[in-house]
C-alpha atoms as a PDB file:
ATOM      1  CA  MET A   1     113.828  72.029  99.240  1.00  0.00           C
ATOM      2  CA  LEU A   2     110.898  74.202 100.278  1.00  0.00           C
ATOM      3  CA  SER A   3     112.233  77.396  98.778  1.00  0.00           C
ATOM      4  CA  GLY A   4     110.049  78.548  95.967  1.00  0.00           C
ATOM      5  CA  VAL A   5     106.967  76.491  96.762  1.00  0.00           C
ATOM      6  CA  THR A   6     103.833  78.479  96.255  1.00  0.00           C
ATOM      7  CA  ALA A   7     101.146  75.718  96.622  1.00  0.00           C
ATOM      8  CA  TRP A   8     100.586  72.950  99.029  1.00  0.00           C
ATOM      9  CA  VAL A   9      98.645  69.685  99.123  1.00  0.00           C
ATOM     10  CA  LEU A  10      98.288  68.647 102.746  1.00  0.00           C
ATOM     11  CA  ASP A  11      97.113  65.245 103.920  1.00  0.00           C
ATOM     12  CA  VAL A  12      94.767  64.946 106.883  1.00  0.00           C
ATOM     13  CA  ASP A  13      94.959  61.634 108.706  1.00  0.00           C
ATOM     14  CA  GLY A  14      98.291  61.022 110.402  1.00  0.00           C
ATOM     15  CA  CYS A  15      99.401  64.373 109.115  1.00  0.00           C
ATOM     16  CA  LEU A  16      97.232  67.331 110.080  1.00  0.00           C
ATOM     17  CA  MET A  17      95.061  65.191 112.429  1.00  0.00           C
ATOM     18  CA  ARG A  18      95.742  62.255 114.639  1.00  0.00           C
ATOM     19  CA  THR A  19      92.580  59.967 114.309  1.00  0.00           C
ATOM     20  CA  ALA A  20      91.381  56.354 113.977  1.00  0.00           C
ATOM     21  CA  SER A  21      88.738  57.370 111.382  1.00  0.00           C
ATOM     22  CA  PRO A  22      89.263  58.692 107.814  1.00  0.00           C
ATOM     23  CA  GLY A  23      88.978  62.427 107.110  1.00  0.00           C
ATOM     24  CA  GLY A  24      90.032  63.424 110.656  1.00  0.00           C
ATOM     25  CA  ALA A  25      86.676  62.322 112.107  1.00  0.00           C
ATOM     26  CA  GLY A  26      86.779  62.001 115.837  1.00  0.00           C
ATOM     27  CA  GLY A  27      90.412  62.977 115.989  1.00  0.00           C
ATOM     28  CA  ALA A  28      92.599  65.918 117.290  1.00  0.00           C
ATOM     29  CA  ALA A  29      94.818  68.254 115.517  1.00  0.00           C
ATOM     30  CA  MET A  30      98.531  67.385 115.370  1.00  0.00           C
ATOM     31  CA  PRO A  31     100.872  69.836 117.138  1.00  0.00           C
ATOM     32  CA  GLY A  32     101.731  72.665 114.706  1.00  0.00           C
ATOM     33  CA  ALA A  33      98.996  71.813 112.203  1.00  0.00           C
ATOM     34  CA  ALA A  34      96.839  74.966 112.856  1.00  0.00           C
ATOM     35  CA  GLU A  35      99.993  77.199 112.795  1.00  0.00           C
ATOM     36  CA  LEU A  36     101.242  75.669 109.550  1.00  0.00           C
ATOM     37  CA  VAL A  37      97.981  76.206 107.741  1.00  0.00           C
ATOM     38  CA  ARG A  38      97.606  79.761 109.181  1.00  0.00           C
ATOM     39  CA  ASP A  39     101.033  80.866 108.048  1.00  0.00           C
ATOM     40  CA  LEU A  40     100.907  79.322 104.562  1.00  0.00           C
ATOM     41  CA  LYS A  41      97.666  81.124 103.983  1.00  0.00           C
ATOM     42  CA  ALA A  42      98.951  84.347 105.368  1.00  0.00           C
ATOM     43  CA  ALA A  43     101.829  84.160 102.957  1.00  0.00           C
ATOM     44  CA  GLY A  44      99.314  83.926 100.064  1.00  0.00           C
ATOM     45  CA  HIS A  45     100.104  80.412  99.226  1.00  0.00           C
ATOM     46  CA  GLU A  46      97.565  78.132  97.577  1.00  0.00           C
ATOM     47  CA  LEU A  47      96.477  75.247  99.747  1.00  0.00           C
ATOM     48  CA  ILE A  48      94.428  72.121  99.246  1.00  0.00           C
ATOM     49  CA  VAL A  49      93.770  69.802 102.134  1.00  0.00           C
ATOM     50  CA  CYS A  50      93.287  66.261 100.643  1.00  0.00           C
ATOM     51  CA  THR A  51      92.078  63.056 102.273  1.00  0.00           C
ATOM     52  CA  ASN A  52      91.240  59.636 100.839  1.00  0.00           C
ATOM     53  CA  ALA A  53      88.056  59.670 102.866  1.00  0.00           C
ATOM     54  CA  SER A  54      84.918  59.565 100.767  1.00  0.00           C
ATOM     55  CA  GLN A  55      81.952  58.934 103.065  1.00  0.00           C
ATOM     56  CA  ARG A  56      81.041  62.589 103.687  1.00  0.00           C
ATOM     57  CA  PRO A  57      81.020  65.718 101.458  1.00  0.00           C
ATOM     58  CA  PRO A  58      84.098  67.938 101.823  1.00  0.00           C
ATOM     59  CA  ALA A  59      82.253  70.614 103.912  1.00  0.00           C
ATOM     60  CA  ARG A  60      81.601  68.094 106.698  1.00  0.00           C
ATOM     61  CA  TYR A  61      85.316  67.175 106.971  1.00  0.00           C
ATOM     62  CA  ALA A  62      86.456  70.780 106.676  1.00  0.00           C
ATOM     63  CA  ALA A  63      84.028  71.850 109.479  1.00  0.00           C
ATOM     64  CA  HIS A  64      85.608  69.254 111.781  1.00  0.00           C
ATOM     65  CA  LEU A  65      89.096  70.568 111.117  1.00  0.00           C
ATOM     66  CA  ARG A  66      87.965  74.171 111.778  1.00  0.00           C
ATOM     67  CA  ALA A  67      86.452  72.825 115.091  1.00  0.00           C
ATOM     68  CA  ASN A  68      89.862  71.605 115.904  1.00  0.00           C
ATOM     69  CA  GLY A  69      91.490  74.989 115.215  1.00  0.00           C
ATOM     70  CA  ILE A  70      92.693  74.310 111.671  1.00  0.00           C
ATOM     71  CA  ASP A  71      91.373  77.197 109.417  1.00  0.00           C
ATOM     72  CA  VAL A  72      90.402  75.253 106.244  1.00  0.00           C
ATOM     73  CA  ALA A  73      87.653  76.579 104.031  1.00  0.00           C
ATOM     74  CA  ASP A  74      85.117  74.118 102.496  1.00  0.00           C
ATOM     75  CA  GLU A  75      86.427  74.866  99.009  1.00  0.00           C
ATOM     76  CA  GLU A  76      89.980  74.180 100.036  1.00  0.00           C
ATOM     77  CA  PHE A  77      89.110  70.594 101.099  1.00  0.00           C
ATOM     78  CA  VAL A  78      89.203  67.646  98.526  1.00  0.00           C
ATOM     79  CA  THR A  79      88.211  64.139  99.386  1.00  0.00           C
ATOM     80  CA  ALA A  80      88.621  60.993  97.281  1.00  0.00           C
ATOM     81  CA  GLY A  81      84.893  61.263  96.610  1.00  0.00           C
ATOM     82  CA  SER A  82      84.900  64.858  95.389  1.00  0.00           C
ATOM     83  CA  ALA A  83      88.009  64.150  93.327  1.00  0.00           C
ATOM     84  CA  ALA A  84      86.184  61.217  91.723  1.00  0.00           C
ATOM     85  CA  ALA A  85      83.223  63.450  90.997  1.00  0.00           C
ATOM     86  CA  ASP A  86      85.459  66.059  89.380  1.00  0.00           C
ATOM     87  CA  TYR A  87      87.091  63.468  87.245  1.00  0.00           C
ATOM     88  CA  VAL A  88      83.950  61.862  86.053  1.00  0.00           C
ATOM     89  CA  ALA A  89      82.277  65.206  85.316  1.00  0.00           C
ATOM     90  CA  VAL A  90      85.177  65.943  83.038  1.00  0.00           C
ATOM     91  CA  HIS A  91      85.766  62.603  81.448  1.00  0.00           C
ATOM     92  CA  HIS A  92      82.102  61.237  81.166  1.00  0.00           C
ATOM     93  CA  PRO A  93      79.903  64.311  80.433  1.00  0.00           C
ATOM     94  CA  GLY A  94      76.288  63.254  80.211  1.00  0.00           C
ATOM     95  CA  ALA A  95      76.734  59.877  81.815  1.00  0.00           C
ATOM     96  CA  ARG A  96      74.351  58.330  84.295  1.00  0.00           C
ATOM     97  CA  VAL A  97      76.432  57.399  87.267  1.00  0.00           C
ATOM     98  CA  LEU A  98      75.762  54.629  89.885  1.00  0.00           C
ATOM     99  CA  VAL A  99      77.204  55.580  93.316  1.00  0.00           C
ATOM    100  CA  VAL A 100      78.153  52.481  95.382  1.00  0.00           C
ATOM    101  CA  GLY A 101      78.701  54.507  98.415  1.00  0.00           C
ATOM    102  CA  ALA A 102      77.335  57.516 100.474  1.00  0.00           C
ATOM    103  CA  ASP A 103      76.737  61.150 100.085  1.00  0.00           C
ATOM    104  CA  GLY A 104      80.494  61.785 100.026  1.00  0.00           C
ATOM    105  CA  VAL A 105      80.392  60.828  96.365  1.00  0.00           C
ATOM    106  CA  ALA A 106      76.800  61.480  95.511  1.00  0.00           C
ATOM    107  CA  ASP A 107      76.784  65.132  96.722  1.00  0.00           C
ATOM    108  CA  PRO A 108      79.735  66.307  94.755  1.00  0.00           C
ATOM    109  CA  LEU A 109      78.433  64.505  91.592  1.00  0.00           C
ATOM    110  CA  CYS A 110      75.093  66.343  91.987  1.00  0.00           C
ATOM    111  CA  ARG A 111      76.853  69.620  92.329  1.00  0.00           C
ATOM    112  CA  HIS A 112      78.409  69.025  88.906  1.00  0.00           C
ATOM    113  CA  GLY A 113      74.818  68.310  87.562  1.00  0.00           C
ATOM    114  CA  VAL A 114      75.616  64.610  87.024  1.00  0.00           C
ATOM    115  CA  SER A 115      72.602  62.280  86.749  1.00  0.00           C
ATOM    116  CA  LEU A 116      72.710  59.431  89.309  1.00  0.00           C
ATOM    117  CA  ALA A 117      71.476  56.146  88.390  1.00  0.00           C
ATOM    118  CA  ASP A 118      68.912  54.291  90.476  1.00  0.00           C
ATOM    119  CA  PRO A 119      69.858  50.678  91.154  1.00  0.00           C
ATOM    120  CA  ALA A 120      66.212  49.773  90.761  1.00  0.00           C
ATOM    121  CA  ASP A 121      66.103  51.046  87.174  1.00  0.00           C
ATOM    122  CA  ALA A 122      66.015  48.717  84.257  1.00  0.00           C
ATOM    123  CA  ASP A 123      68.563  50.758  82.297  1.00  0.00           C
ATOM    124  CA  LEU A 124      72.144  49.980  83.401  1.00  0.00           C
ATOM    125  CA  ALA A 125      74.344  52.813  84.567  1.00  0.00           C
ATOM    126  CA  ASP A 126      77.064  54.265  82.312  1.00  0.00           C
ATOM    127  CA  VAL A 127      79.644  54.602  85.022  1.00  0.00           C
ATOM    128  CA  VAL A 128      80.058  52.977  88.454  1.00  0.00           C
ATOM    129  CA  VAL A 129      81.911  54.852  91.277  1.00  0.00           C
ATOM    130  CA  VAL A 130      82.617  53.089  94.663  1.00  0.00           C
ATOM    131  CA  GLY A 131      83.172  55.024  97.852  1.00  0.00           C
ATOM    132  CA  VAL A 132      82.798  54.453 101.604  1.00  0.00           C
ATOM    133  CA  ALA A 133      79.349  53.691 103.089  1.00  0.00           C
ATOM    134  CA  ASP A 134      78.084  52.077 106.292  1.00  0.00           C
ATOM    135  CA  ASN A 135      76.403  49.357 104.295  1.00  0.00           C
ATOM    136  CA  TYR A 136      76.150  48.189 100.735  1.00  0.00           C
ATOM    137  CA  PRO A 137      72.646  46.574  99.910  1.00  0.00           C
ATOM    138  CA  ALA A 138      72.719  43.517  97.747  1.00  0.00           C
ATOM    139  CA  PRO A 139      70.524  45.127  94.981  1.00  0.00           C
ATOM    140  CA  LEU A 140      73.036  48.025  94.673  1.00  0.00           C
ATOM    141  CA  LEU A 141      75.982  45.613  94.369  1.00  0.00           C
ATOM    142  CA  ASN A 142      74.039  43.584  91.737  1.00  0.00           C
ATOM    143  CA  ALA A 143      73.269  46.720  89.700  1.00  0.00           C
ATOM    144  CA  ALA A 144      76.935  47.703  89.849  1.00  0.00           C
ATOM    145  CA  GLY A 145      78.066  44.268  88.760  1.00  0.00           C
ATOM    146  CA  LEU A 146      75.691  44.109  85.915  1.00  0.00           C
ATOM    147  CA  ALA A 147      76.576  47.648  84.733  1.00  0.00           C
ATOM    148  CA  VAL A 148      80.318  46.883  84.846  1.00  0.00           C
ATOM    149  CA  ASP A 149      79.827  43.525  83.224  1.00  0.00           C
ATOM    150  CA  ALA A 150      78.063  45.321  80.391  1.00  0.00           C
ATOM    151  CA  GLY A 151      80.947  47.717  79.890  1.00  0.00           C
ATOM    152  CA  ALA A 152      80.558  50.604  82.342  1.00  0.00           C
ATOM    153  CA  PRO A 153      83.786  51.833  83.775  1.00  0.00           C
ATOM    154  CA  LEU A 154      84.492  50.821  87.411  1.00  0.00           C
ATOM    155  CA  TYR A 155      86.071  53.614  89.517  1.00  0.00           C
ATOM    156  CA  THR A 156      86.982  53.387  93.157  1.00  0.00           C
ATOM    157  CA  THR A 157      88.030  56.209  95.512  1.00  0.00           C
ATOM    158  CA  VAL A 158      90.809  54.189  96.959  1.00  0.00           C
ATOM    159  CA  ASP A 159      92.715  50.903  96.247  1.00  0.00           C
ATOM    160  CA  VAL A 160      94.817  50.530  99.366  1.00  0.00           C
ATOM    161  CA  PRO A 161      94.076  47.713 101.894  1.00  0.00           C
ATOM    162  CA  TRP A 162      94.508  49.765 105.101  1.00  0.00           C
ATOM    163  CA  PHE A 163      93.684  53.225 106.576  1.00  0.00           C
ATOM    164  CA  HIS A 164      96.281  54.816 108.960  1.00  0.00           C
ATOM    165  CA  GLY A 165      95.457  57.933 111.008  1.00  0.00           C
ATOM    166  CA  GLY A 166      98.211  57.889 113.572  1.00  0.00           C
ATOM    167  CA  LEU A 167      96.088  55.730 115.852  1.00  0.00           C
ATOM    168  CA  GLY A 168      96.527  52.242 114.525  1.00  0.00           C
ATOM    169  CA  LYS A 169      94.925  51.068 111.260  1.00  0.00           C
ATOM    170  CA  SER A 170      91.576  49.800 109.919  1.00  0.00           C
ATOM    171  CA  VAL A 171      90.594  48.205 106.720  1.00  0.00           C
ATOM    172  CA  ALA A 172      89.748  50.302 103.645  1.00  0.00           C
ATOM    173  CA  VAL A 173      86.183  49.090 103.008  1.00  0.00           C
ATOM    174  CA  SER A 174      85.582  50.863  99.707  1.00  0.00           C
ATOM    175  CA  ALA A 175      88.641  49.161  98.221  1.00  0.00           C
ATOM    176  CA  MET A 176      87.340  45.831  99.394  1.00  0.00           C
ATOM    177  CA  ILE A 177      83.954  46.438  97.827  1.00  0.00           C
ATOM    178  CA  ALA A 178      85.443  47.804  94.585  1.00  0.00           C
ATOM    179  CA  ASN A 179      87.698  44.792  94.220  1.00  0.00           C
ATOM    180  CA  ALA A 180      84.856  42.433  94.931  1.00  0.00           C
ATOM    181  CA  ILE A 181      82.931  43.930  92.032  1.00  0.00           C
ATOM    182  CA  GLY A 182      86.084  43.649  89.892  1.00  0.00           C
ATOM    183  CA  TRP A 183      86.515  40.022  90.890  1.00  0.00           C
ATOM    184  CA  ALA A 184      82.971  39.241  89.768  1.00  0.00           C
ATOM    185  CA  THR A 185      83.292  41.130  86.466  1.00  0.00           C
ATOM    186  CA  GLY A 186      86.873  40.514  85.688  1.00  0.00           C
ATOM    187  CA  VAL A 187      87.506  44.288  85.627  1.00  0.00           C
ATOM    188  CA  VAL A 188      90.250  46.072  87.524  1.00  0.00           C
ATOM    189  CA  PRO A 189      88.907  49.147  89.373  1.00  0.00           C
ATOM    190  CA  GLN A 190      90.500  52.470  88.297  1.00  0.00           C
ATOM    191  CA  VAL A 191      91.561  54.492  91.268  1.00  0.00           C
ATOM    192  CA  LEU A 192      90.556  58.200  91.475  1.00  0.00           C
ATOM    193  CA  GLY A 193      91.921  58.929  95.015  1.00  0.00           C
ATOM    194  CA  LYS A 194      95.571  58.951  96.178  1.00  0.00           C
ATOM    195  CA  PRO A 195      97.960  58.180  94.687  1.00  0.00           C
ATOM    196  CA  SER A 196      96.272  58.076  91.144  1.00  0.00           C
ATOM    197  CA  PRO A 197      97.103  60.038  88.123  1.00  0.00           C
ATOM    198  CA  GLY A 198      93.386  60.954  88.009  1.00  0.00           C
ATOM    199  CA  LEU A 199      93.712  62.685  91.413  1.00  0.00           C
ATOM    200  CA  ALA A 200      97.013  64.359  90.250  1.00  0.00           C
ATOM    201  CA  GLU A 201      95.098  65.682  87.218  1.00  0.00           C
ATOM    202  CA  THR A 202      92.294  67.001  89.273  1.00  0.00           C
ATOM    203  CA  LEU A 203      94.586  68.767  91.822  1.00  0.00           C
ATOM    204  CA  SER A 204      96.907  70.233  89.137  1.00  0.00           C
ATOM    205  CA  ARG A 205      93.783  71.566  87.301  1.00  0.00           C
ATOM    206  CA  ARG A 206      92.752  73.356  90.520  1.00  0.00           C
ATOM    207  CA  LEU A 207      96.219  74.753  91.383  1.00  0.00           C
ATOM    208  CA  GLY A 208      97.162  75.812  87.856  1.00  0.00           C
ATOM    209  CA  ALA A 209     100.197  74.908  85.603  1.00  0.00           C
ATOM    210  CA  GLN A 210     102.408  77.611  87.010  1.00  0.00           C
ATOM    211  CA  ALA A 211     102.193  76.526  90.763  1.00  0.00           C
ATOM    212  CA  VAL A 212     105.292  75.102  92.413  1.00  0.00           C
ATOM    213  CA  VAL A 213     103.717  72.414  94.577  1.00  0.00           C
ATOM    214  CA  ALA A 214     104.672  70.414  97.592  1.00  0.00           C
ATOM    215  CA  VAL A 215     102.669  67.366  98.633  1.00  0.00           C
ATOM    216  CA  VAL A 216     102.866  66.588 102.356  1.00  0.00           C
ATOM    217  CA  GLY A 217     101.650  63.375 103.934  1.00  0.00           C
ATOM    218  CA  ASP A 218     102.418  60.531 106.343  1.00  0.00           C
ATOM    219  CA  ALA A 219     102.193  57.707 103.673  1.00  0.00           C
ATOM    220  CA  LEU A 220     103.999  56.644 100.491  1.00  0.00           C
ATOM    221  CA  VAL A 221     100.854  57.279  98.499  1.00  0.00           C
ATOM    222  CA  GLU A 222     101.517  61.053  98.983  1.00  0.00           C
ATOM    223  CA  VAL A 223     104.993  60.526  97.619  1.00  0.00           C
ATOM    224  CA  GLN A 224     103.579  58.765  94.568  1.00  0.00           C
ATOM    225  CA  LEU A 225     101.033  61.487  94.192  1.00  0.00           C
ATOM    226  CA  ALA A 226     103.742  64.105  94.283  1.00  0.00           C
ATOM    227  CA  ARG A 227     105.570  62.257  91.539  1.00  0.00           C
ATOM    228  CA  HIS A 228     102.450  62.201  89.319  1.00  0.00           C
ATOM    229  CA  MET A 229     102.044  65.902  89.845  1.00  0.00           C
ATOM    230  CA  GLY A 230     105.692  66.854  89.183  1.00  0.00           C
ATOM    231  CA  ALA A 231     105.749  68.179  92.768  1.00  0.00           C
ATOM    232  CA  ARG A 232     107.999  68.016  95.692  1.00  0.00           C
ATOM    233  CA  ALA A 233     107.356  65.157  98.198  1.00  0.00           C
ATOM    234  CA  VAL A 234     107.381  65.787 101.917  1.00  0.00           C
ATOM    235  CA  LEU A 235     106.980  62.839 104.206  1.00  0.00           C
ATOM    236  CA  VAL A 236     106.009  63.210 107.953  1.00  0.00           C
ATOM    237  CA  LEU A 237     106.686  60.267 110.283  1.00  0.00           C
ATOM    238  CA  SER A 238     103.542  60.880 112.403  1.00  0.00           C
ATOM    239  CA  GLY A 239     101.287  58.271 110.882  1.00  0.00           C
ATOM    240  CA  ALA A 240     101.623  55.343 108.461  1.00  0.00           C
ATOM    241  CA  THR A 241     105.358  55.341 107.717  1.00  0.00           C
ATOM    242  CA  THR A 242     108.454  54.923 109.959  1.00  0.00           C
ATOM    243  CA  ALA A 243     112.118  55.547 109.385  1.00  0.00           C
ATOM    244  CA  ALA A 244     112.627  51.799 109.094  1.00  0.00           C
ATOM    245  CA  ASP A 245     110.176  51.687 106.219  1.00  0.00           C
ATOM    246  CA  LEU A 246     112.136  54.250 104.282  1.00  0.00           C
ATOM    247  CA  SER A 247     115.329  52.405 104.769  1.00  0.00           C
ATOM    248  CA  VAL A 248     114.161  49.537 102.407  1.00  0.00           C
ATOM    249  CA  LEU A 249     112.610  51.764  99.712  1.00  0.00           C
ATOM    250  CA  PRO A 250     114.077  51.798  96.176  1.00  0.00           C
ATOM    251  CA  GLY A 251     115.854  55.114  95.482  1.00  0.00           C
ATOM    252  CA  GLY A 252     113.200  56.383  93.099  1.00  0.00           C
ATOM    253  CA  GLN A 253     110.472  56.111  95.795  1.00  0.00           C
ATOM    254  CA  HIS A 254     112.134  58.188  98.400  1.00  0.00           C
ATOM    255  CA  PRO A 255     110.574  61.552  99.394  1.00  0.00           C
ATOM    256  CA  ASP A 256     112.498  64.807  98.828  1.00  0.00           C
ATOM    257  CA  LEU A 257     112.189  65.747 102.567  1.00  0.00           C
ATOM    258  CA  VAL A 258     111.535  63.675 105.611  1.00  0.00           C
ATOM    259  CA  LEU A 259     110.376  65.326 108.898  1.00  0.00           C
ATOM    260  CA  ASP A 260     108.948  64.052 112.207  1.00  0.00           C
ATOM    261  CA  ASP A 261     105.661  65.895 111.896  1.00  0.00           C
ATOM    262  CA  VAL A 262     103.992  69.033 110.632  1.00  0.00           C
ATOM    263  CA  ALA A 263     105.317  70.971 113.620  1.00  0.00           C
ATOM    264  CA  ALA A 264     108.841  70.269 112.184  1.00  0.00           C
ATOM    265  CA  LEU A 265     107.656  71.272 108.793  1.00  0.00           C
ATOM    266  CA  HIS A 266     106.252  74.569 110.223  1.00  0.00           C
ATOM    267  CA  ALA A 267     109.718  75.155 111.693  1.00  0.00           C
ATOM    268  CA  SER A 268     111.441  74.463 108.371  1.00  0.00           C
ATOM    269  CA  LEU A 269     109.304  76.924 106.350  1.00  0.00           C
ATOM    270  CA  PRO A 270     111.448  79.461 104.223  1.00  0.00           C
ATOM    271  CA  PRO A 271     112.043  82.916 105.789  1.00  0.00           C
ATOM    272  CA  SER A 272     109.341  84.495 103.584  1.00  0.00           C
ATOM    273  CA  VAL A 273     106.762  82.348 105.383  1.00  0.00           C
ATOM    274  CA  ALA A 274     108.440  81.927 108.798  1.00  0.00           C
ATOM    275  CA  SER A 275     108.683  85.726 109.195  1.00  0.00           C
ATOM    276  CA  LEU A 276     104.894  85.760 109.650  1.00  0.00           C
ATOM    277  CA  ARG A 277     104.960  83.505 112.684  1.00  0.00           C
ATOM    278  CA  GLY A 278     103.387  85.291 115.517  1.00  0.00           C
ATOM    279  CA  VAL A 279     102.044  88.169 113.313  1.00  0.00           C
ATOM    280  CA  THR A 280      98.947  86.471 111.908  1.00  0.00           C
ATOM    281  CA  GLN A 281      96.233  86.046 114.580  1.00  0.00           C
END
């Protein structure tokens, strides 16, 4: 199933990292994670590490993985926040964007040259994007609600209720906030993180149309993302999903390959990659 794969989208929480916080924050590398990334890169494969975290810019999360021995460059790391910025820059050129979140969304937007709206401005924003933050001031939520009520598109980095990182679960705050704005305005937030077609578009644009892609993760959102990308879906049972969960899935939602963890994936790599084990330092 892995033969011919030349590009990889690797999940972080519950997959490369065991953690209780999004983006691998405060966690530790899963066994085999560093070796997997090392050998895929040594084989010349394209690699994107992708998380639904959105509070910090990609470079912050990538640095944490490197500190844990996983050699991921800043430009190889995609968050739901940076993916949202990529999507908005392409689909809403020239728009003023109100960020209901932190620098994990604002910084990538600024890097694209997107103008950020100030919630104190009298002029309403053209687009609203919701990500994770430690707090959401009432004036900011009011500005977001007014803009969406006036017709601004409402985007959210995630729309799943829970975060899983291999050490229990916690509520997905950004999804709660986005849906609260949606409740007030009667607008359903459009998701730009996993497993959305918007993220699939962004990742596919980065990898190129000719790439043979495998998406690896611990949750069914990665399987759904793989389907949107026309990619192969590899599920690891080290985080959000158990073998019992798989037994009740409809046939079309099953992954192409199920493994215990990324160490098992590393052991299952094709000979062209596996032959590099122990060679690359």
